[in-house]
Amino acid sequence: MAGGGSAPRKGRPFGVRRVMSRKRAKRLGKLKSHRIIGAVERVTIRGRTGKAKVLARIDTGAARTTVDTDLAARVGLGPVLDTVRIRAAISEHPETRALVDADIIIAGKAFDVPAAITDRKDMRYHVIVGMDILRDAGFLVDPGKGRVTRNRHRPER
């Protein structure tokens, strides 16, 4: 072709190219039924005596959902179903935690799960949503979506 240009291919106008393959588009179409959530989401914890809305860390590396001791007491989670030994990422030794029945609402879906109770009062998030919820919930986690915390300390100039 004169002028060094290329002819349109497969009926597409000049300069227009396919953004993704048909195979990839078909695969992504199957994901439409999944809800995308961020690494931090607002959740509601319902217990026997009340409920609380808190920010929760969505942790795909955590096998089990964890709730802070004080929060569990405030909303009346319980009774204790069992105990479980958990090796936390921040500890060398496994610890024994109580499992209580928890009703957790995330992104409009309610989940009744056995949640581990531990002291998280010094942590930023009082609830960790683990794979026990994420596995069957139909959620996809996008770490870039959702709430972003800003650094409170500005660098000196």
N, C-alpha and C. Protein backbone atom coordinates (compact mmCIF):
# COMPACT_ATOMS: atom_id res chain seq x y z
N MET A 1 0.83 -1.16 0.00
CA MET A 1 0.00 0.00 0.00
C MET A 1 0.88 1.23 0.00
N ALA A 2 0.53 2.25 -0.74
CA ALA A 2 1.33 3.46 -0.84
C ALA A 2 1.29 4.22 0.46
N GLY A 3 2.40 4.89 0.80
CA GLY A 3 2.44 5.72 1.99
C GLY A 3 2.80 4.95 3.25
N GLY A 4 3.08 3.67 3.16
CA GLY A 4 3.56 2.89 4.31
C GLY A 4 2.49 2.51 5.31
N GLY A 5 1.21 2.83 5.05
CA GLY A 5 0.15 2.46 5.99
C GLY A 5 -0.23 1.01 5.84
N SER A 6 -1.02 0.53 6.74
CA SER A 6 -1.49 -0.85 6.63
C SER A 6 -2.99 -0.84 6.38
N ALA A 7 -3.44 -1.86 5.72
CA ALA A 7 -4.86 -1.97 5.40
C ALA A 7 -5.63 -2.42 6.64
N PRO A 8 -6.91 -2.05 6.72
CA PRO A 8 -7.73 -2.53 7.84
C PRO A 8 -7.77 -4.06 7.84
N ARG A 9 -7.82 -4.64 9.02
CA ARG A 9 -7.83 -6.09 9.12
C ARG A 9 -9.16 -6.57 9.66
N LYS A 10 -9.65 -7.62 9.07
CA LYS A 10 -10.86 -8.30 9.53
C LYS A 10 -12.03 -7.35 9.77
N GLY A 11 -12.21 -6.41 8.87
CA GLY A 11 -13.38 -5.55 8.94
C GLY A 11 -13.29 -4.41 9.95
N ARG A 12 -12.15 -4.28 10.64
CA ARG A 12 -12.01 -3.17 11.59
C ARG A 12 -11.49 -1.95 10.84
N PRO A 13 -11.95 -0.76 11.21
CA PRO A 13 -11.43 0.45 10.57
C PRO A 13 -9.94 0.60 10.83
N PHE A 14 -9.28 1.37 9.99
CA PHE A 14 -7.85 1.61 10.14
C PHE A 14 -7.56 2.20 11.53
N GLY A 15 -6.56 1.68 12.20
CA GLY A 15 -6.15 2.20 13.50
C GLY A 15 -6.90 1.60 14.68
N VAL A 16 -7.93 0.81 14.42
CA VAL A 16 -8.68 0.21 15.52
C VAL A 16 -8.21 -1.23 15.68
N ARG A 17 -7.82 -1.56 16.88
CA ARG A 17 -7.38 -2.93 17.12
C ARG A 17 -8.19 -3.53 18.26
N ARG A 18 -8.22 -4.82 18.29
CA ARG A 18 -8.94 -5.52 19.34
C ARG A 18 -8.18 -5.33 20.65
N VAL A 19 -8.89 -4.93 21.70
CA VAL A 19 -8.26 -4.66 22.98
C VAL A 19 -7.91 -5.96 23.70
N MET A 20 -8.77 -6.95 23.61
CA MET A 20 -8.50 -8.24 24.23
C MET A 20 -9.01 -9.35 23.34
N SER A 21 -8.47 -10.51 23.55
CA SER A 21 -8.89 -11.66 22.75
C SER A 21 -10.31 -12.07 23.11
N ARG A 22 -10.95 -12.76 22.19
CA ARG A 22 -12.31 -13.24 22.45
C ARG A 22 -12.32 -14.21 23.63
N LYS A 23 -11.26 -15.02 23.72
CA LYS A 23 -11.17 -15.99 24.81
C LYS A 23 -11.12 -15.28 26.16
N ARG A 24 -10.31 -14.22 26.25
CA ARG A 24 -10.21 -13.46 27.50
C ARG A 24 -11.52 -12.75 27.81
N ALA A 25 -12.16 -12.19 26.80
CA ALA A 25 -13.45 -11.51 27.00
C ALA A 25 -14.50 -12.49 27.51
N LYS A 26 -14.48 -13.71 26.99
CA LYS A 26 -15.44 -14.72 27.44
C LYS A 26 -15.18 -15.08 28.90
N ARG A 27 -13.91 -15.21 29.26
CA ARG A 27 -13.54 -15.53 30.63
C ARG A 27 -13.96 -14.41 31.58
N LEU A 28 -13.75 -13.17 31.17
CA LEU A 28 -14.14 -12.03 32.00
C LEU A 28 -15.66 -11.92 32.11
N GLY A 29 -16.37 -12.34 31.08
CA GLY A 29 -17.83 -12.32 31.13
C GLY A 29 -18.37 -13.21 32.23
N LYS A 30 -17.65 -14.29 32.53
CA LYS A 30 -18.06 -15.19 33.61
C LYS A 30 -17.90 -14.53 34.97
N LEU A 31 -17.08 -13.51 35.06
CA LEU A 31 -16.82 -12.84 36.33
C LEU A 31 -17.86 -11.77 36.65
N LYS A 32 -18.78 -11.51 35.74
CA LYS A 32 -19.78 -10.47 35.98
C LYS A 32 -20.63 -10.75 37.20
N SER A 33 -20.79 -12.03 37.54
CA SER A 33 -21.61 -12.37 38.70
C SER A 33 -20.86 -12.13 40.01
N HIS A 34 -19.57 -11.88 39.94
CA HIS A 34 -18.77 -11.64 41.14
C HIS A 34 -18.80 -10.16 41.50
N ARG A 35 -18.83 -9.87 42.77
CA ARG A 35 -18.80 -8.50 43.27
C ARG A 35 -17.35 -8.17 43.61
N ILE A 36 -16.87 -7.03 43.14
CA ILE A 36 -15.50 -6.62 43.42
C ILE A 36 -15.51 -5.78 44.69
N ILE A 37 -14.69 -6.19 45.65
CA ILE A 37 -14.55 -5.44 46.90
C ILE A 37 -13.10 -5.03 47.07
N GLY A 38 -12.88 -4.04 47.91
CA GLY A 38 -11.54 -3.54 48.15
C GLY A 38 -10.85 -4.27 49.29
N ALA A 39 -9.62 -3.86 49.57
CA ALA A 39 -8.85 -4.46 50.65
C ALA A 39 -9.39 -4.05 52.01
N VAL A 40 -10.14 -2.95 52.05
CA VAL A 40 -10.80 -2.49 53.28
C VAL A 40 -12.25 -2.21 52.93
N GLU A 41 -13.17 -2.79 53.68
CA GLU A 41 -14.60 -2.61 53.43
C GLU A 41 -15.33 -2.35 54.73
N ARG A 42 -16.44 -1.62 54.64
CA ARG A 42 -17.30 -1.42 55.81
C ARG A 42 -18.17 -2.66 55.96
N VAL A 43 -18.17 -3.23 57.17
CA VAL A 43 -18.98 -4.41 57.45
C VAL A 43 -19.86 -4.13 58.66
N THR A 44 -20.93 -4.90 58.78
CA THR A 44 -21.80 -4.83 59.95
C THR A 44 -21.70 -6.16 60.68
N ILE A 45 -21.42 -6.08 61.97
CA ILE A 45 -21.37 -7.26 62.83
C ILE A 45 -22.64 -7.26 63.66
N ARG A 46 -23.44 -8.33 63.56
CA ARG A 46 -24.67 -8.43 64.36
C ARG A 46 -24.51 -9.53 65.39
N GLY A 47 -24.87 -9.18 66.62
CA GLY A 47 -24.83 -10.16 67.71
C GLY A 47 -26.18 -10.25 68.39
N ARG A 48 -26.20 -10.89 69.55
CA ARG A 48 -27.45 -11.08 70.28
C ARG A 48 -27.96 -9.79 70.91
N THR A 49 -27.05 -8.87 71.24
CA THR A 49 -27.47 -7.66 71.95
C THR A 49 -27.32 -6.38 71.15
N GLY A 50 -26.81 -6.45 69.94
CA GLY A 50 -26.65 -5.23 69.16
C GLY A 50 -25.91 -5.48 67.86
N LYS A 51 -25.57 -4.39 67.21
CA LYS A 51 -24.79 -4.48 65.98
C LYS A 51 -23.86 -3.29 65.90
N ALA A 52 -22.82 -3.43 65.08
CA ALA A 52 -21.84 -2.36 64.92
C ALA A 52 -21.36 -2.35 63.48
N LYS A 53 -21.16 -1.15 62.94
CA LYS A 53 -20.58 -0.99 61.61
C LYS A 53 -19.13 -0.57 61.80
N VAL A 54 -18.22 -1.34 61.22
CA VAL A 54 -16.79 -1.08 61.37
C VAL A 54 -16.09 -1.31 60.03
N LEU A 55 -14.89 -0.76 59.91
CA LEU A 55 -14.07 -1.06 58.75
C LEU A 55 -13.35 -2.37 59.00
N ALA A 56 -13.31 -3.22 58.00
CA ALA A 56 -12.66 -4.52 58.12
C ALA A 56 -11.59 -4.66 57.05
N ARG A 57 -10.52 -5.32 57.41
CA ARG A 57 -9.47 -5.65 56.44
C ARG A 57 -9.87 -6.95 55.75
N ILE A 58 -9.84 -6.95 54.43
CA ILE A 58 -10.13 -8.15 53.66
C ILE A 58 -8.78 -8.83 53.43
N ASP A 59 -8.61 -10.01 53.99
CA ASP A 59 -7.31 -10.67 54.00
C ASP A 59 -7.41 -12.05 53.35
N THR A 60 -6.95 -12.14 52.11
CA THR A 60 -7.01 -13.42 51.39
C THR A 60 -5.99 -14.41 51.94
N GLY A 61 -5.08 -13.95 52.79
CA GLY A 61 -4.11 -14.85 53.41
C GLY A 61 -4.59 -15.42 54.73
N ALA A 62 -5.71 -14.92 55.23
CA ALA A 62 -6.26 -15.42 56.50
C ALA A 62 -7.29 -16.51 56.21
N ALA A 63 -7.14 -17.63 56.86
CA ALA A 63 -8.08 -18.73 56.64
C ALA A 63 -9.42 -18.46 57.30
N ARG A 64 -9.41 -17.74 58.41
CA ARG A 64 -10.60 -17.57 59.22
C ARG A 64 -10.86 -16.09 59.51
N THR A 65 -12.12 -15.73 59.63
CA THR A 65 -12.53 -14.38 60.01
C THR A 65 -12.26 -14.20 61.50
N THR A 66 -11.74 -13.01 61.85
CA THR A 66 -11.37 -12.72 63.23
C THR A 66 -12.03 -11.42 63.67
N VAL A 67 -12.52 -11.39 64.91
CA VAL A 67 -13.19 -10.22 65.48
C VAL A 67 -12.51 -9.86 66.79
N ASP A 68 -12.38 -8.56 67.06
CA ASP A 68 -11.78 -8.08 68.30
C ASP A 68 -12.63 -8.48 69.51
N THR A 69 -11.98 -8.76 70.61
CA THR A 69 -12.65 -9.19 71.84
C THR A 69 -13.67 -8.18 72.33
N ASP A 70 -13.28 -6.90 72.40
CA ASP A 70 -14.20 -5.86 72.89
C ASP A 70 -15.40 -5.68 71.97
N LEU A 71 -15.18 -5.72 70.67
CA LEU A 71 -16.28 -5.60 69.71
C LEU A 71 -17.24 -6.79 69.85
N ALA A 72 -16.70 -7.98 70.01
CA ALA A 72 -17.54 -9.17 70.18
C ALA A 72 -18.40 -9.06 71.43
N ALA A 73 -17.82 -8.54 72.51
CA ALA A 73 -18.59 -8.37 73.75
C ALA A 73 -19.66 -7.29 73.60
N ARG A 74 -19.32 -6.20 72.90
CA ARG A 74 -20.24 -5.08 72.74
C ARG A 74 -21.51 -5.47 71.98
N VAL A 75 -21.37 -6.29 70.95
CA VAL A 75 -22.54 -6.68 70.15
C VAL A 75 -23.14 -8.00 70.60
N GLY A 76 -22.48 -8.68 71.52
CA GLY A 76 -23.03 -9.92 72.06
C GLY A 76 -22.83 -11.13 71.18
N LEU A 77 -21.63 -11.28 70.61
CA LEU A 77 -21.36 -12.49 69.83
C LEU A 77 -21.23 -13.68 70.77
N GLY A 78 -21.66 -14.80 70.32
CA GLY A 78 -21.54 -15.99 71.15
C GLY A 78 -22.75 -16.87 70.95
N PRO A 79 -22.84 -17.93 71.63
CA PRO A 79 -21.91 -18.47 72.63
C PRO A 79 -20.67 -19.07 71.97
N VAL A 80 -19.69 -19.42 72.80
CA VAL A 80 -18.47 -20.04 72.29
C VAL A 80 -18.82 -21.42 71.74
N LEU A 81 -18.48 -21.64 70.49
CA LEU A 81 -18.77 -22.91 69.82
C LEU A 81 -17.66 -23.93 70.05
N ASP A 82 -16.43 -23.43 70.05
CA ASP A 82 -15.27 -24.31 70.11
C ASP A 82 -14.04 -23.44 70.32
N THR A 83 -12.89 -24.06 70.45
CA THR A 83 -11.63 -23.33 70.45
C THR A 83 -10.79 -23.88 69.31
N VAL A 84 -9.89 -23.06 68.83
CA VAL A 84 -9.05 -23.47 67.71
C VAL A 84 -7.64 -22.91 67.95
N ARG A 85 -6.64 -23.68 67.55
CA ARG A 85 -5.25 -23.20 67.66
C ARG A 85 -4.89 -22.55 66.33
N ILE A 86 -4.45 -21.31 66.42
CA ILE A 86 -4.11 -20.53 65.23
C ILE A 86 -2.69 -20.02 65.36
N ARG A 87 -1.95 -20.13 64.28
CA ARG A 87 -0.62 -19.54 64.25
C ARG A 87 -0.73 -18.23 63.49
N ALA A 88 -0.70 -17.14 64.23
CA ALA A 88 -0.84 -15.81 63.62
C ALA A 88 0.46 -15.42 62.93
N ALA A 89 0.35 -14.58 61.92
CA ALA A 89 1.51 -14.13 61.16
C ALA A 89 2.46 -13.32 62.03
N ILE A 90 1.94 -12.64 63.05
CA ILE A 90 2.77 -11.78 63.88
C ILE A 90 3.33 -12.49 65.11
N SER A 91 3.11 -13.78 65.24
CA SER A 91 3.53 -14.52 66.42
C SER A 91 4.28 -15.78 66.02
N GLU A 92 5.26 -16.15 66.84
CA GLU A 92 6.01 -17.38 66.58
C GLU A 92 5.25 -18.61 67.04
N HIS A 93 4.46 -18.44 68.10
CA HIS A 93 3.81 -19.58 68.73
C HIS A 93 2.32 -19.58 68.43
N PRO A 94 1.75 -20.77 68.22
CA PRO A 94 0.30 -20.84 68.02
C PRO A 94 -0.44 -20.43 69.30
N GLU A 95 -1.60 -19.83 69.12
CA GLU A 95 -2.41 -19.45 70.28
C GLU A 95 -3.79 -20.07 70.14
N THR A 96 -4.44 -20.26 71.27
CA THR A 96 -5.78 -20.81 71.29
C THR A 96 -6.78 -19.67 71.29
N ARG A 97 -7.73 -19.73 70.37
CA ARG A 97 -8.75 -18.69 70.27
C ARG A 97 -10.13 -19.32 70.34
N ALA A 98 -11.05 -18.57 70.94
CA ALA A 98 -12.45 -19.02 71.00
C ALA A 98 -13.11 -18.78 69.64
N LEU A 99 -13.97 -19.70 69.25
CA LEU A 99 -14.78 -19.54 68.05
C LEU A 99 -16.21 -19.25 68.48
N VAL A 100 -16.76 -18.16 67.94
CA VAL A 100 -18.15 -17.81 68.24
C VAL A 100 -18.92 -17.67 66.94
N ASP A 101 -20.21 -17.84 67.02
CA ASP A 101 -21.08 -17.67 65.87
C ASP A 101 -21.22 -16.18 65.60
N ALA A 102 -20.86 -15.74 64.40
CA ALA A 102 -20.93 -14.32 64.05
C ALA A 102 -21.76 -14.12 62.80
N ASP A 103 -22.58 -13.09 62.80
CA ASP A 103 -23.37 -12.70 61.64
C ASP A 103 -22.72 -11.45 61.08
N ILE A 104 -22.10 -11.57 59.90
CA ILE A 104 -21.34 -10.47 59.31
C ILE A 104 -21.95 -10.12 57.97
N ILE A 105 -22.22 -8.82 57.78
CA ILE A 105 -22.77 -8.34 56.50
C ILE A 105 -21.67 -7.56 55.80
N ILE A 106 -21.36 -7.99 54.59
CA ILE A 106 -20.34 -7.31 53.79
C ILE A 106 -20.88 -7.17 52.37
N ALA A 107 -20.81 -5.96 51.85
CA ALA A 107 -21.27 -5.65 50.49
C ALA A 107 -22.70 -6.13 50.27
N GLY A 108 -23.55 -5.98 51.29
CA GLY A 108 -24.96 -6.33 51.16
C GLY A 108 -25.29 -7.80 51.32
N LYS A 109 -24.29 -8.65 51.55
CA LYS A 109 -24.52 -10.08 51.74
C LYS A 109 -24.26 -10.45 53.19
N ALA A 110 -25.15 -11.26 53.76
CA ALA A 110 -25.01 -11.70 55.15
C ALA A 110 -24.36 -13.08 55.21
N PHE A 111 -23.45 -13.25 56.16
CA PHE A 111 -22.75 -14.51 56.35
C PHE A 111 -22.79 -14.89 57.82
N ASP A 112 -23.12 -16.13 58.07
CA ASP A 112 -23.12 -16.67 59.43
C ASP A 112 -21.92 -17.60 59.52
N VAL A 113 -20.85 -17.13 60.18
CA VAL A 113 -19.60 -17.89 60.22
C VAL A 113 -19.10 -18.02 61.64
N PRO A 114 -18.34 -19.08 61.91
CA PRO A 114 -17.65 -19.15 63.20
C PRO A 114 -16.41 -18.24 63.12
N ALA A 115 -16.38 -17.20 63.93
CA ALA A 115 -15.28 -16.24 63.91
C ALA A 115 -14.39 -16.44 65.12
N ALA A 116 -13.09 -16.30 64.90
CA ALA A 116 -12.13 -16.38 66.00
C ALA A 116 -12.13 -15.04 66.74
N ILE A 117 -12.02 -15.11 68.06
CA ILE A 117 -12.01 -13.90 68.89
C ILE A 117 -10.59 -13.70 69.41
N THR A 118 -10.07 -12.48 69.23
CA THR A 118 -8.74 -12.15 69.73
C THR A 118 -8.66 -10.66 70.03
N ASP A 119 -7.65 -10.28 70.80
CA ASP A 119 -7.47 -8.87 71.16
C ASP A 119 -6.85 -8.12 69.98
N ARG A 120 -7.63 -7.24 69.36
CA ARG A 120 -7.16 -6.43 68.24
C ARG A 120 -7.29 -4.94 68.55
N LYS A 121 -7.36 -4.58 69.83
CA LYS A 121 -7.61 -3.18 70.19
C LYS A 121 -6.50 -2.24 69.73
N ASP A 122 -5.29 -2.75 69.60
CA ASP A 122 -4.18 -1.91 69.15
C ASP A 122 -3.99 -1.96 67.64
N MET A 123 -4.84 -2.68 66.95
CA MET A 123 -4.75 -2.80 65.50
C MET A 123 -5.66 -1.78 64.83
N ARG A 124 -5.35 -1.44 63.60
CA ARG A 124 -6.15 -0.47 62.86
C ARG A 124 -7.54 -1.00 62.56
N TYR A 125 -7.65 -2.29 62.25
CA TYR A 125 -8.94 -2.88 61.90
C TYR A 125 -9.32 -3.91 62.96
N HIS A 126 -10.54 -3.81 63.47
CA HIS A 126 -11.00 -4.70 64.53
C HIS A 126 -11.64 -5.98 63.98
N VAL A 127 -11.76 -6.05 62.66
CA VAL A 127 -12.29 -7.26 62.02
C VAL A 127 -11.40 -7.61 60.83
N ILE A 128 -11.06 -8.89 60.73
CA ILE A 128 -10.37 -9.42 59.56
C ILE A 128 -11.34 -10.38 58.88
N VAL A 129 -11.64 -10.12 57.62
CA VAL A 129 -12.50 -11.03 56.85
C VAL A 129 -11.58 -11.99 56.12
N GLY A 130 -11.70 -13.28 56.45
CA GLY A 130 -10.82 -14.30 55.89
C GLY A 130 -11.47 -15.10 54.78
N MET A 131 -10.74 -16.11 54.35
CA MET A 131 -11.19 -16.94 53.23
C MET A 131 -12.43 -17.76 53.56
N ASP A 132 -12.75 -17.94 54.84
CA ASP A 132 -13.97 -18.68 55.17
C ASP A 132 -15.21 -17.98 54.62
N ILE A 133 -15.15 -16.67 54.48
CA ILE A 133 -16.24 -15.91 53.84
C ILE A 133 -15.96 -15.75 52.35
N LEU A 134 -14.75 -15.37 52.01
CA LEU A 134 -14.42 -15.02 50.62
C LEU A 134 -14.52 -16.21 49.67
N ARG A 135 -14.24 -17.40 50.15
CA ARG A 135 -14.20 -18.59 49.28
C ARG A 135 -15.51 -18.83 48.56
N ASP A 136 -16.61 -18.73 49.26
CA ASP A 136 -17.91 -19.06 48.67
C ASP A 136 -18.79 -17.85 48.41
N ALA A 137 -18.29 -16.65 48.71
CA ALA A 137 -19.13 -15.46 48.63
C ALA A 137 -19.27 -14.90 47.22
N GLY A 138 -18.37 -15.27 46.32
CA GLY A 138 -18.43 -14.69 44.99
C GLY A 138 -17.80 -13.31 44.92
N PHE A 139 -16.91 -13.00 45.87
CA PHE A 139 -16.22 -11.71 45.86
C PHE A 139 -14.87 -11.84 45.17
N LEU A 140 -14.49 -10.81 44.46
CA LEU A 140 -13.14 -10.65 43.95
C LEU A 140 -12.54 -9.48 44.70
N VAL A 141 -11.30 -9.62 45.16
CA VAL A 141 -10.67 -8.57 45.95
C VAL A 141 -9.74 -7.77 45.05
N ASP A 142 -10.00 -6.47 44.95
CA ASP A 142 -9.16 -5.54 44.21
C ASP A 142 -8.52 -4.61 45.24
N PRO A 143 -7.23 -4.80 45.55
CA PRO A 143 -6.60 -3.99 46.59
C PRO A 143 -6.62 -2.49 46.29
N GLY A 144 -6.74 -2.12 45.03
CA GLY A 144 -6.76 -0.71 44.67
C GLY A 144 -8.13 -0.06 44.83
N LYS A 145 -9.15 -0.87 45.05
CA LYS A 145 -10.51 -0.35 45.18
C LYS A 145 -10.82 -0.11 46.64
N GLY A 146 -11.69 0.81 46.89
CA GLY A 146 -12.15 1.02 48.26
C GLY A 146 -11.42 2.14 48.96
N ARG A 147 -11.40 2.06 50.25
CA ARG A 147 -10.87 3.14 51.06
C ARG A 147 -9.34 3.14 51.04
N VAL A 148 -8.79 4.33 50.92
CA VAL A 148 -7.34 4.49 50.95
C VAL A 148 -7.02 5.34 52.17
N THR A 149 -6.11 4.85 52.99
CA THR A 149 -5.72 5.65 54.16
C THR A 149 -4.55 6.52 53.76
N ARG A 150 -4.59 7.75 54.20
CA ARG A 150 -3.52 8.69 53.88
C ARG A 150 -2.55 8.79 55.04
N ASN A 151 -1.33 9.08 54.70
CA ASN A 151 -0.32 9.28 55.72
C ASN A 151 -0.63 10.58 56.45
N ARG A 152 -0.77 10.53 57.76
CA ARG A 152 -1.12 11.72 58.53
C ARG A 152 0.05 12.67 58.71
N HIS A 153 1.25 12.15 58.58
CA HIS A 153 2.44 12.97 58.80
C HIS A 153 2.97 13.44 57.45
N ARG A 154 2.98 14.73 57.28
CA ARG A 154 3.51 15.29 56.03
C ARG A 154 5.02 15.44 56.15
N PRO A 155 5.74 15.13 55.09
CA PRO A 155 7.20 15.31 55.15
C PRO A 155 7.55 16.78 55.26
N GLU A 156 8.61 17.06 56.01
CA GLU A 156 9.05 18.45 56.15
C GLU A 156 9.77 18.87 54.89
N ARG A 157 9.60 20.15 54.56
CA ARG A 157 10.24 20.66 53.34
C ARG A 157 11.44 21.48 53.67
